[in-house]
Amino acid sequence: MNLDFRDGLLFTGITITHYGKSVFIPNVIIDTGAVESIISVDAIDGLFDKYEPEDQIRFMTGIGGRKASVRKRVDEVKFLSFRIFQYTIDFGRMGDDNSINGLIGLDILIPGKFIVDLNQLRIYSAIR
């Protein structure tokens, strides 16, 4: 898949499915420096309507400081041809920049065996 190189960042998209409802989330950054992925709550548009008993409040620290997020178990996370079922992922605020809908971190990139080709601005999985 081709990556969109904008403002010095590599953008792509990801699909989240919860209780049978799927949402494609564009403008997600490939972030090899992030241990865990996070998706903007503003980008999931009605995917969740309530907190569930197993949800956890978490705090992440990064360049933007310390931010709260909600960790939820979802039915599926799909990135390119890689699919993870019954996966736990964080949802939170991405700051003041509304053009960024999340970060895909090493928690997805490593198990998916993704290769980021910076020469061609492509990402693909070594899993065949």
C-alpha atoms as a PDB file:
ATOM      1  CA  MET A   1       0.000   0.000   0.000  1.00  0.00           C
ATOM      2  CA  ASN A   2       1.237   3.463  -0.816  1.00  0.00           C
ATOM      3  CA  LEU A   3       1.738   5.829   2.080  1.00  0.00           C
ATOM      4  CA  ASP A   4       0.794   9.489   1.938  1.00  0.00           C
ATOM      5  CA  PHE A   5       3.824  11.595   2.949  1.00  0.00           C
ATOM      6  CA  ARG A   6       2.522  14.897   4.365  1.00  0.00           C
ATOM      7  CA  ASP A   7       4.119  17.387   6.721  1.00  0.00           C
ATOM      8  CA  GLY A   8       6.993  14.963   7.329  1.00  0.00           C
ATOM      9  CA  LEU A   9       4.642  12.153   8.452  1.00  0.00           C
ATOM     10  CA  LEU A  10       3.532   8.870   6.852  1.00  0.00           C
ATOM     11  CA  PHE A  11      -0.274   8.599   6.670  1.00  0.00           C
ATOM     12  CA  THR A  12      -2.464   5.582   5.970  1.00  0.00           C
ATOM     13  CA  GLY A  13      -5.832   4.208   7.166  1.00  0.00           C
ATOM     14  CA  ILE A  14      -7.115   1.455   9.449  1.00  0.00           C
ATOM     15  CA  THR A  15     -10.476  -0.276   9.989  1.00  0.00           C
ATOM     16  CA  ILE A  16     -11.945  -0.970  13.431  1.00  0.00           C
ATOM     17  CA  THR A  17     -14.929  -3.321  13.904  1.00  0.00           C
ATOM     18  CA  HIS A  18     -16.942  -3.468  17.119  1.00  0.00           C
ATOM     19  CA  TYR A  19     -20.220  -5.359  17.606  1.00  0.00           C
ATOM     20  CA  GLY A  20     -20.393  -5.922  13.867  1.00  0.00           C
ATOM     21  CA  LYS A  21     -20.104  -2.226  12.952  1.00  0.00           C
ATOM     22  CA  SER A  22     -16.989  -1.224  10.975  1.00  0.00           C
ATOM     23  CA  VAL A  23     -15.423   2.209  10.615  1.00  0.00           C
ATOM     24  CA  PHE A  24     -12.568   3.042   8.254  1.00  0.00           C
ATOM     25  CA  ILE A  25     -10.323   5.655   9.829  1.00  0.00           C
ATOM     26  CA  PRO A  26      -8.174   7.670   7.401  1.00  0.00           C
ATOM     27  CA  ASN A  27      -5.231   9.932   8.265  1.00  0.00           C
ATOM     28  CA  VAL A  28      -3.562   7.575  10.727  1.00  0.00           C
ATOM     29  CA  ILE A  29       0.208   7.921  11.126  1.00  0.00           C
ATOM     30  CA  ILE A  30       2.652   5.026  10.878  1.00  0.00           C
ATOM     31  CA  ASP A  31       4.694   5.580  14.058  1.00  0.00           C
ATOM     32  CA  THR A  32       7.583   3.163  14.588  1.00  0.00           C
ATOM     33  CA  GLY A  33       8.460   5.127  17.734  1.00  0.00           C
ATOM     34  CA  ALA A  34       5.107   4.381  19.402  1.00  0.00           C
ATOM     35  CA  VAL A  35       4.875   1.237  21.504  1.00  0.00           C
ATOM     36  CA  GLU A  36       1.079   1.189  21.302  1.00  0.00           C
ATOM     37  CA  SER A  37      -1.470   2.354  18.774  1.00  0.00           C
ATOM     38  CA  ILE A  38      -4.092   4.963  19.590  1.00  0.00           C
ATOM     39  CA  ILE A  39      -7.120   6.092  17.594  1.00  0.00           C
ATOM     40  CA  SER A  40      -8.825   9.470  17.941  1.00  0.00           C
ATOM     41  CA  VAL A  41     -12.227   9.303  19.610  1.00  0.00           C
ATOM     42  CA  ASP A  42     -13.318  11.984  17.145  1.00  0.00           C
ATOM     43  CA  ALA A  43     -12.665   9.621  14.206  1.00  0.00           C
ATOM     44  CA  ILE A  44     -14.752   6.637  15.307  1.00  0.00           C
ATOM     45  CA  ASP A  45     -18.115   8.337  14.706  1.00  0.00           C
ATOM     46  CA  GLY A  46     -20.595   6.386  16.812  1.00  0.00           C
ATOM     47  CA  LEU A  47     -18.677   3.106  16.944  1.00  0.00           C
ATOM     48  CA  PHE A  48     -19.047   3.181  20.747  1.00  0.00           C
ATOM     49  CA  ASP A  49     -22.050   4.577  22.544  1.00  0.00           C
ATOM     50  CA  LYS A  50     -21.101   3.687  26.124  1.00  0.00           C
ATOM     51  CA  TYR A  51     -18.337   2.535  28.374  1.00  0.00           C
ATOM     52  CA  GLU A  52     -18.192  -1.193  28.998  1.00  0.00           C
ATOM     53  CA  PRO A  53     -17.157  -2.916  32.251  1.00  0.00           C
ATOM     54  CA  GLU A  54     -13.825  -4.145  30.836  1.00  0.00           C
ATOM     55  CA  ASP A  55     -12.810  -0.684  29.531  1.00  0.00           C
ATOM     56  CA  GLN A  56      -9.753   0.813  31.208  1.00  0.00           C
ATOM     57  CA  ILE A  57      -8.685   4.421  31.622  1.00  0.00           C
ATOM     58  CA  ARG A  58      -4.996   4.785  30.749  1.00  0.00           C
ATOM     59  CA  PHE A  59      -2.488   7.576  30.566  1.00  0.00           C
ATOM     60  CA  MET A  60       0.039   7.925  27.764  1.00  0.00           C
ATOM     61  CA  THR A  61       3.058  10.168  27.786  1.00  0.00           C
ATOM     62  CA  GLY A  62       4.605  11.509  24.605  1.00  0.00           C
ATOM     63  CA  ILE A  63       5.861  14.665  22.995  1.00  0.00           C
ATOM     64  CA  GLY A  64       2.475  16.332  23.607  1.00  0.00           C
ATOM     65  CA  GLY A  65       2.618  15.533  27.326  1.00  0.00           C
ATOM     66  CA  ARG A  66       0.434  13.200  29.364  1.00  0.00           C
ATOM     67  CA  LYS A  67      -2.996  12.334  27.926  1.00  0.00           C
ATOM     68  CA  ALA A  68      -5.836  10.083  29.067  1.00  0.00           C
ATOM     69  CA  SER A  69      -7.253   7.366  26.822  1.00  0.00           C
ATOM     70  CA  VAL A  70      -9.789   4.562  27.047  1.00  0.00           C
ATOM     71  CA  ARG A  71      -8.567   1.061  26.316  1.00  0.00           C
ATOM     72  CA  LYS A  72     -11.330  -1.031  24.714  1.00  0.00           C
ATOM     73  CA  ARG A  73     -11.544  -4.549  23.369  1.00  0.00           C
ATOM     74  CA  VAL A  74     -12.838  -4.506  19.801  1.00  0.00           C
ATOM     75  CA  ASP A  75     -13.945  -7.335  17.533  1.00  0.00           C
ATOM     76  CA  GLU A  76     -11.321  -6.664  14.883  1.00  0.00           C
ATOM     77  CA  VAL A  77      -8.549  -4.330  13.813  1.00  0.00           C
ATOM     78  CA  LYS A  78      -7.720  -4.527  10.115  1.00  0.00           C
ATOM     79  CA  PHE A  79      -4.665  -2.907   8.618  1.00  0.00           C
ATOM     80  CA  LEU A  80      -3.994  -3.791   4.984  1.00  0.00           C
ATOM     81  CA  SER A  81      -4.408  -7.592   4.802  1.00  0.00           C
ATOM     82  CA  PHE A  82      -3.429  -8.064   8.474  1.00  0.00           C
ATOM     83  CA  ARG A  83      -6.319  -8.732  10.854  1.00  0.00           C
ATOM     84  CA  ILE A  84      -6.311  -8.993  14.641  1.00  0.00           C
ATOM     85  CA  PHE A  85      -9.429 -10.358  16.347  1.00  0.00           C
ATOM     86  CA  GLN A  86     -10.584  -9.553  19.901  1.00  0.00           C
ATOM     87  CA  TYR A  87      -7.896  -6.894  20.167  1.00  0.00           C
ATOM     88  CA  THR A  88      -7.458  -4.243  22.825  1.00  0.00           C
ATOM     89  CA  ILE A  89      -6.654  -0.755  21.526  1.00  0.00           C
ATOM     90  CA  ASP A  90      -6.635   2.756  22.971  1.00  0.00           C
ATOM     91  CA  PHE A  91      -8.953   5.603  22.000  1.00  0.00           C
ATOM     92  CA  GLY A  92      -8.282   9.178  23.026  1.00  0.00           C
ATOM     93  CA  ARG A  93      -7.744  12.778  21.960  1.00  0.00           C
ATOM     94  CA  MET A  94      -4.988  13.476  19.463  1.00  0.00           C
ATOM     95  CA  GLY A  95      -4.491  17.108  20.465  1.00  0.00           C
ATOM     96  CA  ASP A  96      -5.349  20.240  18.565  1.00  0.00           C
ATOM     97  CA  ASP A  97      -4.447  18.897  15.117  1.00  0.00           C
ATOM     98  CA  ASN A  98      -7.679  17.514  13.646  1.00  0.00           C
ATOM     99  CA  SER A  99      -5.846  16.184  10.577  1.00  0.00           C
ATOM    100  CA  ILE A 100      -4.390  13.266  12.588  1.00  0.00           C
ATOM    101  CA  ASN A 101      -6.813  10.460  13.474  1.00  0.00           C
ATOM    102  CA  GLY A 102      -4.393   8.172  15.275  1.00  0.00           C
ATOM    103  CA  LEU A 103      -1.087   6.361  15.410  1.00  0.00           C
ATOM    104  CA  ILE A 104      -0.325   2.816  14.300  1.00  0.00           C
ATOM    105  CA  GLY A 105       2.403   1.657  16.659  1.00  0.00           C
ATOM    106  CA  LEU A 106       4.624  -1.342  17.147  1.00  0.00           C
ATOM    107  CA  ASP A 107       1.799  -3.351  18.774  1.00  0.00           C
ATOM    108  CA  ILE A 108       0.360  -3.754  15.240  1.00  0.00           C
ATOM    109  CA  LEU A 109       3.461  -3.304  13.071  1.00  0.00           C
ATOM    110  CA  ILE A 110       5.539  -6.081  14.694  1.00  0.00           C
ATOM    111  CA  PRO A 111       2.938  -8.906  14.774  1.00  0.00           C
ATOM    112  CA  GLY A 112       1.905  -7.947  11.231  1.00  0.00           C
ATOM    113  CA  LYS A 113       5.570  -8.197  10.178  1.00  0.00           C
ATOM    114  CA  PHE A 114       5.251  -4.886   8.349  1.00  0.00           C
ATOM    115  CA  ILE A 115       8.028  -3.487   6.231  1.00  0.00           C
ATOM    116  CA  VAL A 116       8.118   0.264   5.686  1.00  0.00           C
ATOM    117  CA  ASP A 117       9.841   1.038   2.391  1.00  0.00           C
ATOM    118  CA  LEU A 118      10.867   4.690   2.692  1.00  0.00           C
ATOM    119  CA  ASN A 119      12.345   4.755  -0.793  1.00  0.00           C
ATOM    120  CA  GLN A 120       9.024   3.851  -2.439  1.00  0.00           C
ATOM    121  CA  LEU A 121       6.817   5.259   0.389  1.00  0.00           C
ATOM    122  CA  ARG A 122       5.038   1.920   0.714  1.00  0.00           C
ATOM    123  CA  ILE A 123       4.168  -0.418   3.554  1.00  0.00           C
ATOM    124  CA  TYR A 124       3.561  -4.118   3.190  1.00  0.00           C
ATOM    125  CA  SER A 125       3.541  -7.248   5.315  1.00  0.00           C
ATOM    126  CA  ALA A 126       6.199  -9.950   5.073  1.00  0.00           C
ATOM    127  CA  ILE A 127       3.402 -12.454   5.832  1.00  0.00           C
ATOM    128  CA  ARG A 128       2.315 -14.100   2.596  1.00  0.00           C
END
